[in-house]
């Protein structure tokens, strides 16, 4: 029984280690470089922030505000 539990523990640790290495080598550098590129304006450079921003109710087209506190 001890040998089986040790084998299961080894398999679980190997899978966790494989997942961590895959995450750190494959995905994390992409997030870092994409974040740096976006901060420097290389990604989404042609998007106007005003077009993306959620407009207030009174700024929206075709809406009439009857009461505003």
C-alpha atoms as a PDB file:
ATOM      1  CA  UNK A   1       0.000   0.000   0.000  1.00  0.00           C
ATOM      2  CA  UNK A   2       2.833   2.405   0.829  1.00  0.00           C
ATOM      3  CA  UNK A   3       4.409   1.771  -2.558  1.00  0.00           C
ATOM      4  CA  UNK A   4       1.109   2.504  -4.356  1.00  0.00           C
ATOM      5  CA  UNK A   5       0.570   5.757  -2.433  1.00  0.00           C
ATOM      6  CA  UNK A   6       4.140   6.771  -3.240  1.00  0.00           C
ATOM      7  CA  UNK A   7       3.557   6.039  -6.921  1.00  0.00           C
ATOM      8  CA  UNK A   8       0.334   8.089  -6.964  1.00  0.00           C
ATOM      9  CA  UNK A   9       2.133  10.939  -5.181  1.00  0.00           C
ATOM     10  CA  UNK A  10       4.935  10.782  -7.760  1.00  0.00           C
ATOM     11  CA  UNK A  11       2.469  10.923 -10.659  1.00  0.00           C
ATOM     12  CA  UNK A  12       0.602  13.872  -9.129  1.00  0.00           C
ATOM     13  CA  UNK A  13       3.844  15.767  -8.481  1.00  0.00           C
ATOM     14  CA  UNK A  14       5.089  15.027 -12.014  1.00  0.00           C
ATOM     15  CA  UNK A  15       1.855  16.353 -13.528  1.00  0.00           C
ATOM     16  CA  UNK A  16       1.955  19.460 -11.332  1.00  0.00           C
ATOM     17  CA  UNK A  17       5.581  20.082 -12.255  1.00  0.00           C
ATOM     18  CA  UNK A  18       4.860  19.604 -15.944  1.00  0.00           C
ATOM     19  CA  UNK A  19       1.942  22.046 -15.739  1.00  0.00           C
ATOM     20  CA  UNK A  20       4.054  24.634 -13.882  1.00  0.00           C
ATOM     21  CA  UNK A  21       6.898  24.400 -16.382  1.00  0.00           C
ATOM     22  CA  UNK A  22       4.474  24.658 -19.290  1.00  0.00           C
ATOM     23  CA  UNK A  23       2.841  27.700 -17.708  1.00  0.00           C
ATOM     24  CA  UNK A  24       6.096  29.456 -16.855  1.00  0.00           C
ATOM     25  CA  UNK A  25       7.822  28.725 -20.178  1.00  0.00           C
ATOM     26  CA  UNK A  26       4.892  29.038 -22.548  1.00  0.00           C
ATOM     27  CA  UNK A  27       2.255  31.399 -21.219  1.00  0.00           C
ATOM     28  CA  UNK A  28       3.847  33.733 -18.691  1.00  0.00           C
ATOM     29  CA  UNK A  29       6.447  35.305 -21.039  1.00  0.00           C
ATOM     30  CA  UNK A  30       3.680  35.969 -23.578  1.00  0.00           C
ATOM     31  CA  UNK A  31       1.664  37.854 -20.950  1.00  0.00           C
ATOM     32  CA  UNK A  32       4.717  39.863 -19.925  1.00  0.00           C
ATOM     33  CA  UNK A  33       5.695  40.825 -23.464  1.00  0.00           C
ATOM     34  CA  UNK A  34       2.103  41.596 -24.463  1.00  0.00           C
ATOM     35  CA  UNK A  35       1.714  43.805 -21.399  1.00  0.00           C
ATOM     36  CA  UNK A  36       4.910  45.713 -22.187  1.00  0.00           C
ATOM     37  CA  UNK A  37       3.868  46.118 -25.821  1.00  0.00           C
ATOM     38  CA  UNK A  38       0.447  47.416 -24.802  1.00  0.00           C
ATOM     39  CA  UNK A  39       1.950  49.891 -22.346  1.00  0.00           C
ATOM     40  CA  UNK A  40       4.223  51.199 -25.098  1.00  0.00           C
ATOM     41  CA  UNK A  41       1.261  51.616 -27.444  1.00  0.00           C
ATOM     42  CA  UNK A  42       2.125  48.879 -29.922  1.00  0.00           C
ATOM     43  CA  UNK A  43      -1.110  46.928 -29.272  1.00  0.00           C
ATOM     44  CA  UNK A  44      -4.442  48.754 -29.621  1.00  0.00           C
ATOM     45  CA  UNK A  45      -2.692  51.875 -30.903  1.00  0.00           C
ATOM     46  CA  UNK A  46      -5.469  52.581 -33.403  1.00  0.00           C
ATOM     47  CA  UNK A  47      -8.295  52.313 -30.834  1.00  0.00           C
ATOM     48  CA  UNK A  48      -9.666  55.533 -29.402  1.00  0.00           C
ATOM     49  CA  UNK A  49     -10.226  55.189 -25.631  1.00  0.00           C
ATOM     50  CA  UNK A  50     -13.413  57.264 -25.890  1.00  0.00           C
ATOM     51  CA  UNK A  51     -14.953  54.680 -28.237  1.00  0.00           C
ATOM     52  CA  UNK A  52     -14.238  51.857 -25.791  1.00  0.00           C
ATOM     53  CA  UNK A  53     -15.346  53.702 -22.647  1.00  0.00           C
ATOM     54  CA  UNK A  54     -18.843  52.950 -21.364  1.00  0.00           C
ATOM     55  CA  UNK A  55     -20.853  56.104 -21.861  1.00  0.00           C
ATOM     56  CA  UNK A  56     -22.971  57.623 -19.123  1.00  0.00           C
ATOM     57  CA  UNK A  57     -26.715  57.414 -19.585  1.00  0.00           C
ATOM     58  CA  UNK A  58     -27.064  61.066 -20.595  1.00  0.00           C
ATOM     59  CA  UNK A  59     -24.208  60.698 -23.126  1.00  0.00           C
ATOM     60  CA  UNK A  60     -25.850  57.877 -25.052  1.00  0.00           C
ATOM     61  CA  UNK A  61     -27.537  58.580 -28.326  1.00  0.00           C
ATOM     62  CA  UNK A  62     -31.334  58.327 -28.427  1.00  0.00           C
ATOM     63  CA  UNK A  63     -31.800  58.415 -24.643  1.00  0.00           C
ATOM     64  CA  UNK A  64     -33.528  61.257 -22.831  1.00  0.00           C
ATOM     65  CA  UNK A  65     -32.884  61.616 -19.125  1.00  0.00           C
ATOM     66  CA  UNK A  66     -35.986  62.863 -17.330  1.00  0.00           C
ATOM     67  CA  UNK A  67     -34.568  63.141 -13.829  1.00  0.00           C
ATOM     68  CA  UNK A  68     -30.982  63.633 -12.772  1.00  0.00           C
ATOM     69  CA  UNK A  69     -30.045  64.031  -9.145  1.00  0.00           C
END
